[in-house]
Amino acid sequence: MSVNQSNNQIIKNNLLIICRGAGDLATGIIHRLHRAGHRVIALETDYPAAIRRQVSFCEAVYDGSAAVEGVTARLVPALTDVETYTEIDAEIDAEIDTETYSGINDTSAAHIASEKWSRSDIEAVLEAGEVPLLIDPEGESIAHLKPDVVVDAIIAKKNLGTTIDMAPLVIGVGPGFTAGHDVHLVIESMRGHNLARIITDGMAQPNTGVPGNIAGFTSERVIHAPAAGYIHDVRKIGDIVQKGDEIARIYPDKGSFDNELSEYVPVNATITGIIRGLIREGYYFKEGFKIADIDPRESELTNCFTISDKARSIAGSVLEAVSAFEHGVKLY
């Protein structure tokens, strides 16, 4: 046990947990596990498309760090040159067979080796009381870091490569996983009576494609792109808008943002309320992509900047499963 001098936080060698995904639901999980004293590492894609950006650790990919409710995630860049490894990293990596690292496009082992992350850099972030975030969509670092627990909270509605042998305890959140097959446990993500239920056999409820009901609104409160292109925000998260108000514009290229003569497709508010989520400025997407979310409850402004009830519920069940594992209680 040691004490971090900067924030007086006690650092204990608790479980090492890797969470695949760092969107708003995953952030709730990461936040809860971190607050419970565990060492948590987040994995993300190189261009995350979070809507609720104010409560998503994945924003650290763009900004270098992201703070949510008092917890900070910090980007740990991949090493771009094997020669930049420290001697300690080299000794550790010498024990690992780099031939086991293979990308989805048969990337050479030498290239993968050059993209590994420095353990000393990761440990430095953990010792500072923060959450290291790695750009690692394929989960290549999992075998490298050997975590006690892996949580897949990508929320892709399908399994993007998580396997039950990645760690002693592997948890999948939402549909796409089968408890006892590709993960040990599944956490239900569908709103309703069974939200956050720990499933020990079988799968979560299939995705219905219908957003959860908020104040009587479901599909209407979620905005999908009316055209492909790059988004230019007209309004921001937290703004109160009326139905029909322009909240963003879609341009064919970023260079058109400041050209008043450029053609664009407007994105209008579908209901009256608060912009709770809006995809990052300049993000490119195809038609139909989810780009915004409006909360009809105008009095709930703080909800835009705090972890949701759904994320907290799911996080509580993940922590329950992790605690049971930590204390030798077998749930499956």
Protein backbone atom coordinates (compact mmCIF):
# COMPACT_ATOMS: atom_id res chain seq x y z
CA MET A 1 0.00 0.00 0.00
CA SER A 2 1.21 3.51 -0.80
CA VAL A 3 -0.17 7.04 -0.57
CA ASN A 4 -0.34 9.30 -3.61
CA GLN A 5 0.97 12.67 -2.43
CA SER A 6 -0.98 14.74 -4.97
CA ASN A 7 -4.46 13.64 -3.94
CA ASN A 8 -3.83 11.66 -0.74
CA GLN A 9 -5.34 8.60 -2.39
CA ILE A 10 -4.36 5.21 -1.02
CA ILE A 11 -3.14 2.97 -3.82
CA LYS A 12 -3.60 -0.74 -3.20
CA ASN A 13 -2.60 -3.60 -5.45
CA ASN A 14 -6.17 -4.62 -6.07
CA LEU A 15 -7.45 -6.42 -9.15
CA LEU A 16 -6.29 -5.29 -12.57
CA ILE A 17 -9.37 -4.83 -14.73
CA ILE A 18 -9.48 -4.02 -18.43
CA CYS A 19 -12.66 -2.52 -19.86
CA ARG A 20 -13.13 -2.72 -23.60
CA GLY A 21 -14.95 0.48 -24.54
CA ALA A 22 -15.09 3.89 -22.89
CA GLY A 23 -18.40 5.32 -24.05
CA ASP A 24 -21.00 6.59 -21.58
CA LEU A 25 -22.13 3.16 -20.28
CA ALA A 26 -18.57 1.86 -20.09
CA THR A 27 -17.53 5.06 -18.33
CA GLY A 28 -20.09 4.36 -15.61
CA ILE A 29 -18.53 0.93 -15.12
CA ILE A 30 -14.96 2.22 -15.16
CA HIS A 31 -15.87 5.00 -12.74
CA ARG A 32 -17.49 2.59 -10.26
CA LEU A 33 -14.64 0.07 -10.36
CA HIS A 34 -12.04 2.82 -9.98
CA ARG A 35 -13.88 4.35 -7.02
CA ALA A 36 -14.00 0.88 -5.45
CA GLY A 37 -10.20 0.83 -5.46
CA HIS A 38 -9.48 -1.39 -8.45
CA ARG A 39 -6.83 -0.68 -11.08
CA VAL A 40 -8.79 -0.11 -14.28
CA ILE A 41 -7.49 0.28 -17.82
CA ALA A 42 -9.78 1.37 -20.66
CA LEU A 43 -9.43 0.32 -24.30
CA GLU A 44 -10.90 2.33 -27.15
CA THR A 45 -10.94 2.70 -30.91
CA ASP A 46 -8.93 5.41 -32.63
CA TYR A 47 -12.05 7.39 -33.64
CA PRO A 48 -14.71 6.92 -30.95
CA ALA A 49 -18.18 8.20 -31.80
CA ALA A 50 -19.66 8.96 -28.38
CA ILE A 51 -22.83 11.03 -28.30
CA ARG A 52 -22.86 11.75 -24.55
CA ARG A 53 -19.33 13.14 -24.75
CA GLN A 54 -19.43 15.00 -21.43
CA VAL A 55 -19.65 11.68 -19.57
CA SER A 56 -17.47 9.49 -21.80
CA PHE A 57 -13.84 8.70 -21.03
CA CYS A 58 -13.29 7.96 -24.73
CA GLU A 59 -12.94 11.71 -25.32
CA ALA A 60 -9.40 11.29 -23.97
CA VAL A 61 -8.53 9.81 -27.38
CA TYR A 62 -8.95 13.31 -28.86
CA ASP A 63 -8.06 15.56 -25.93
CA GLY A 64 -5.41 13.53 -24.10
CA SER A 65 -7.53 13.28 -20.95
CA ALA A 66 -11.18 13.30 -19.92
CA ALA A 67 -12.65 13.90 -16.46
CA VAL A 68 -16.04 12.56 -15.38
CA GLU A 69 -17.37 13.14 -11.87
CA GLY A 70 -13.97 13.52 -10.27
CA VAL A 71 -12.22 10.66 -12.09
CA THR A 72 -9.75 11.30 -14.91
CA ALA A 73 -8.89 8.99 -17.80
CA ARG A 74 -5.56 9.72 -19.46
CA LEU A 75 -4.41 8.60 -22.90
CA VAL A 76 -1.29 6.41 -22.91
CA PRO A 77 0.05 6.56 -26.48
CA ALA A 78 1.42 3.42 -28.10
CA LEU A 79 5.16 3.26 -28.54
CA THR A 80 5.96 3.94 -32.17
CA ASP A 81 9.50 2.67 -32.02
CA VAL A 82 10.75 -0.47 -30.27
CA GLU A 83 13.94 1.41 -29.36
CA THR A 84 11.95 3.77 -27.10
CA TYR A 85 11.18 0.95 -24.67
CA THR A 86 12.77 1.24 -21.25
CA GLU A 87 15.08 -1.55 -20.12
CA ILE A 88 12.40 -2.79 -17.73
CA ASP A 89 9.82 -2.97 -20.54
CA ALA A 90 12.28 -4.86 -22.72
CA GLU A 91 12.93 -7.42 -20.00
CA ILE A 92 9.21 -7.98 -19.45
CA ASP A 93 8.41 -8.19 -23.15
CA ALA A 94 11.26 -10.64 -23.67
CA GLU A 95 9.17 -13.12 -21.70
CA ILE A 96 6.25 -12.77 -24.11
CA ASP A 97 6.15 -14.59 -27.45
CA THR A 98 5.53 -11.74 -29.89
CA GLU A 99 4.47 -14.25 -32.53
CA THR A 100 1.17 -14.54 -30.65
CA TYR A 101 0.33 -10.98 -31.59
CA SER A 102 -1.52 -10.93 -34.91
CA GLY A 103 -3.82 -8.24 -36.18
CA ILE A 104 -7.07 -8.87 -38.00
CA ASN A 105 -5.31 -8.11 -41.30
CA ASP A 106 -2.38 -10.46 -40.64
CA THR A 107 -0.27 -7.58 -39.41
CA SER A 108 3.32 -8.66 -38.91
CA ALA A 109 4.46 -9.52 -35.39
CA ALA A 110 7.26 -6.95 -35.68
CA HIS A 111 4.75 -4.17 -36.33
CA ILE A 112 2.54 -5.23 -33.44
CA ALA A 113 5.58 -5.34 -31.16
CA SER A 114 6.38 -1.75 -32.09
CA GLU A 115 2.84 -0.72 -31.14
CA LYS A 116 2.92 -2.09 -27.59
CA TRP A 117 2.44 0.16 -24.62
CA SER A 118 5.01 0.88 -21.94
CA ARG A 119 4.08 -0.78 -18.66
CA SER A 120 5.92 1.97 -16.82
CA ASP A 121 3.76 4.62 -18.52
CA ILE A 122 0.59 2.71 -17.64
CA GLU A 123 1.69 2.22 -14.03
CA ALA A 124 2.53 5.92 -13.74
CA VAL A 125 -1.05 6.83 -14.66
CA LEU A 126 -2.43 4.26 -12.22
CA GLU A 127 -0.17 5.51 -9.44
CA ALA A 128 -1.44 9.03 -10.08
CA GLY A 129 -4.94 7.80 -9.26
CA GLU A 130 -6.14 7.98 -12.85
CA VAL A 131 -7.42 5.57 -15.50
CA PRO A 132 -5.02 4.74 -18.36
CA LEU A 133 -6.73 4.70 -21.75
CA LEU A 134 -5.16 2.83 -24.66
CA ILE A 135 -6.14 3.03 -28.32
CA ASP A 136 -6.57 -0.71 -28.81
CA PRO A 137 -9.80 -1.68 -30.59
CA GLU A 138 -8.67 -5.28 -31.14
CA GLY A 139 -7.72 -5.83 -27.50
CA GLU A 140 -4.12 -6.75 -28.34
CA SER A 141 -2.91 -5.35 -25.01
CA ILE A 142 -4.98 -7.84 -23.00
CA ALA A 143 -2.56 -10.72 -23.50
CA HIS A 144 0.27 -8.26 -22.91
CA LEU A 145 -1.09 -6.99 -19.56
CA LYS A 146 -2.69 -10.20 -18.24
CA PRO A 147 -5.62 -8.65 -16.31
CA ASP A 148 -7.63 -10.42 -13.60
CA VAL A 149 -10.90 -9.29 -15.18
CA VAL A 150 -12.00 -8.21 -18.66
CA VAL A 151 -15.26 -6.32 -19.13
CA ASP A 152 -16.58 -5.87 -22.67
CA ALA A 153 -18.74 -2.74 -22.57
CA ILE A 154 -18.33 -1.70 -26.19
CA ILE A 155 -22.13 -2.03 -26.54
CA ALA A 156 -21.84 -3.04 -30.19
CA LYS A 157 -24.86 -5.38 -29.91
CA LYS A 158 -22.48 -8.16 -31.00
CA ASN A 159 -19.21 -9.67 -29.84
CA LEU A 160 -16.22 -7.94 -31.43
CA GLY A 161 -13.61 -10.49 -30.42
CA THR A 162 -13.89 -11.00 -26.67
CA THR A 163 -13.21 -14.59 -25.58
CA ILE A 164 -13.70 -16.39 -22.30
CA ASP A 165 -9.99 -17.18 -22.00
CA MET A 166 -8.88 -13.53 -21.95
CA ALA A 167 -8.93 -13.43 -18.14
CA PRO A 168 -10.00 -15.49 -15.12
CA LEU A 169 -13.25 -13.50 -15.17
CA VAL A 170 -14.74 -12.15 -18.42
CA ILE A 171 -17.97 -10.13 -18.39
CA GLY A 172 -20.01 -9.05 -21.41
CA VAL A 173 -22.49 -6.17 -21.21
CA GLY A 174 -25.62 -6.34 -23.33
CA PRO A 175 -26.61 -8.52 -26.29
CA GLY A 176 -24.05 -10.42 -28.35
CA PHE A 177 -22.54 -12.55 -25.57
CA THR A 178 -23.43 -15.97 -24.19
CA ALA A 179 -22.61 -16.68 -20.56
CA GLY A 180 -20.59 -19.86 -20.32
CA HIS A 181 -19.52 -19.70 -23.97
CA ASP A 182 -17.60 -16.54 -24.90
CA VAL A 183 -17.84 -14.87 -21.48
CA HIS A 184 -18.36 -16.08 -17.91
CA LEU A 185 -21.17 -13.63 -17.10
CA VAL A 186 -23.49 -11.31 -19.03
CA ILE A 187 -25.04 -8.11 -17.67
CA GLU A 188 -28.49 -7.18 -18.99
CA SER A 189 -28.48 -3.72 -20.59
CA MET A 190 -32.13 -3.44 -21.64
CA ARG A 191 -34.16 -0.94 -19.59
CA GLY A 192 -36.95 -2.50 -17.61
CA HIS A 193 -37.42 -4.96 -14.79
CA ASN A 194 -34.29 -6.99 -15.65
CA LEU A 195 -31.91 -4.08 -16.24
CA ALA A 196 -28.45 -4.93 -14.82
CA ARG A 197 -29.40 -8.50 -13.95
CA ILE A 198 -26.35 -10.80 -13.81
CA ILE A 199 -26.90 -13.64 -16.28
CA THR A 200 -25.00 -16.85 -15.56
CA ASP A 201 -26.42 -18.93 -18.41
CA GLY A 202 -27.52 -17.65 -21.78
CA MET A 203 -27.78 -14.20 -23.34
CA ALA A 204 -29.13 -10.74 -22.66
CA GLN A 205 -32.32 -9.61 -24.37
CA PRO A 206 -31.80 -8.88 -28.10
CA ASN A 207 -31.55 -5.29 -29.22
CA THR A 208 -34.97 -3.91 -30.20
CA GLY A 209 -33.61 -0.82 -31.92
CA VAL A 210 -36.01 1.32 -29.85
CA PRO A 211 -34.38 3.77 -27.39
CA GLY A 212 -35.52 3.75 -23.77
CA ASN A 213 -38.61 5.74 -22.83
CA ILE A 214 -37.90 9.15 -21.32
CA ALA A 215 -40.94 11.27 -20.44
CA GLY A 216 -42.99 9.45 -23.06
CA PHE A 217 -40.46 9.79 -25.88
CA THR A 218 -38.47 6.92 -27.39
CA SER A 219 -37.28 7.01 -31.01
CA GLU A 220 -38.18 10.68 -31.39
CA ARG A 221 -35.51 11.83 -28.94
CA VAL A 222 -32.63 10.22 -30.87
CA ILE A 223 -31.42 11.94 -34.04
CA HIS A 224 -29.82 10.04 -36.91
CA ALA A 225 -27.86 11.68 -39.70
CA PRO A 226 -30.08 12.68 -42.64
CA ALA A 227 -27.02 12.52 -44.92
CA ALA A 228 -23.41 11.38 -45.00
CA GLY A 229 -20.68 13.92 -44.30
CA TYR A 230 -18.84 15.92 -41.64
CA ILE A 231 -20.75 17.50 -38.78
CA HIS A 232 -20.46 21.15 -37.85
CA ASP A 233 -22.17 21.93 -34.55
CA VAL A 234 -24.52 24.90 -34.38
CA ARG A 235 -25.62 24.23 -30.80
CA LYS A 236 -23.86 22.43 -27.94
CA ILE A 237 -24.59 19.84 -25.27
CA GLY A 238 -26.71 21.40 -22.53
CA ASP A 239 -28.53 23.84 -24.83
CA ILE A 240 -32.32 24.01 -24.62
CA VAL A 241 -33.88 23.74 -28.07
CA GLN A 242 -37.34 23.81 -29.58
CA LYS A 243 -38.61 21.22 -32.01
CA GLY A 244 -37.38 22.19 -35.48
CA ASP A 245 -34.42 24.27 -34.28
CA GLU A 246 -31.20 23.76 -36.23
CA ILE A 247 -28.61 22.10 -33.99
CA ALA A 248 -25.95 21.12 -36.54
CA ARG A 249 -25.03 21.04 -40.22
CA ILE A 250 -23.61 18.25 -42.36
CA TYR A 251 -21.04 19.27 -44.98
CA PRO A 252 -19.39 17.17 -47.69
CA ASP A 253 -15.94 18.21 -46.40
CA LYS A 254 -14.46 20.08 -43.42
CA GLY A 255 -13.15 22.85 -45.64
CA SER A 256 -16.72 23.98 -46.25
CA PHE A 257 -17.46 24.83 -42.60
CA ASP A 258 -16.49 28.51 -42.94
CA ASN A 259 -17.72 29.00 -46.49
CA GLU A 260 -21.14 30.67 -46.43
CA LEU A 261 -21.76 29.56 -50.02
CA SER A 262 -21.18 25.87 -49.33
CA GLU A 263 -24.13 23.53 -49.48
CA TYR A 264 -25.04 21.61 -46.35
CA VAL A 265 -27.79 19.46 -44.88
CA PRO A 266 -29.33 20.88 -41.69
CA VAL A 267 -29.86 18.73 -38.61
CA ASN A 268 -32.96 19.84 -36.72
CA ALA A 269 -34.21 19.06 -33.23
CA THR A 270 -36.88 16.38 -33.39
CA ILE A 271 -38.44 17.33 -30.04
CA THR A 272 -38.26 20.20 -27.55
CA GLY A 273 -35.79 19.67 -24.74
CA ILE A 274 -32.11 19.70 -23.77
CA ILE A 275 -29.35 18.48 -26.06
CA ARG A 276 -28.01 15.65 -23.94
CA GLY A 277 -25.68 14.24 -26.54
CA LEU A 278 -24.09 15.51 -29.75
CA ILE A 279 -21.35 13.83 -31.76
CA ARG A 280 -17.97 15.52 -31.86
CA GLU A 281 -17.36 18.47 -34.19
CA GLY A 282 -15.86 17.39 -37.52
CA TYR A 283 -16.75 13.71 -37.17
CA TYR A 284 -17.46 11.91 -40.45
CA PHE A 285 -20.37 9.47 -40.66
CA LYS A 286 -22.69 7.80 -43.09
CA GLU A 287 -26.39 8.51 -43.49
CA GLY A 288 -28.43 7.04 -40.65
CA PHE A 289 -25.62 7.23 -38.09
CA LYS A 290 -26.70 8.21 -34.56
CA ILE A 291 -25.47 11.76 -33.99
CA ALA A 292 -27.55 13.40 -31.23
CA ASP A 293 -29.85 12.78 -28.28
CA ILE A 294 -32.41 15.18 -26.80
CA ASP A 295 -33.82 14.90 -23.28
CA PRO A 296 -37.41 16.23 -23.17
CA ARG A 297 -37.05 17.10 -19.47
CA GLU A 298 -35.84 20.71 -19.62
CA SER A 299 -35.33 20.77 -15.84
CA GLU A 300 -32.72 18.00 -15.99
CA LEU A 301 -29.75 20.02 -17.26
CA THR A 302 -27.29 18.38 -14.85
CA ASN A 303 -28.07 15.00 -16.43
CA CYS A 304 -26.00 16.07 -19.44
CA PHE A 305 -22.88 16.13 -17.29
CA THR A 306 -23.39 13.19 -14.92
CA ILE A 307 -23.37 9.40 -15.30
CA SER A 308 -26.84 8.07 -16.13
CA ASP A 309 -29.03 5.91 -13.95
CA LYS A 310 -28.70 3.09 -16.48
CA ALA A 311 -24.91 3.24 -16.46
CA ARG A 312 -24.84 3.29 -12.64
CA SER A 313 -27.15 0.26 -12.45
CA ILE A 314 -25.03 -1.76 -14.86
CA ALA A 315 -21.85 -0.64 -13.09
CA GLY A 316 -23.24 -1.84 -9.78
CA SER A 317 -23.79 -5.32 -11.16
CA VAL A 318 -20.32 -5.44 -12.69
CA LEU A 319 -18.85 -4.45 -9.32
CA GLU A 320 -20.96 -7.14 -7.63
CA ALA A 321 -19.60 -9.77 -10.01
CA VAL A 322 -16.03 -8.54 -9.55
CA SER A 323 -16.38 -8.50 -5.76
CA ALA A 324 -17.77 -12.04 -5.74
CA PHE A 325 -14.83 -13.16 -7.89
CA GLU A 326 -12.38 -11.35 -5.63
CA HIS A 327 -13.75 -13.11 -2.55
CA GLY A 328 -13.96 -16.54 -4.11
CA VAL A 329 -17.75 -16.60 -4.48
CA LYS A 330 -18.56 -18.48 -7.67
CA LEU A 331 -21.56 -17.05 -9.53
CA TYR A 332 -21.37 -19.36 -12.53
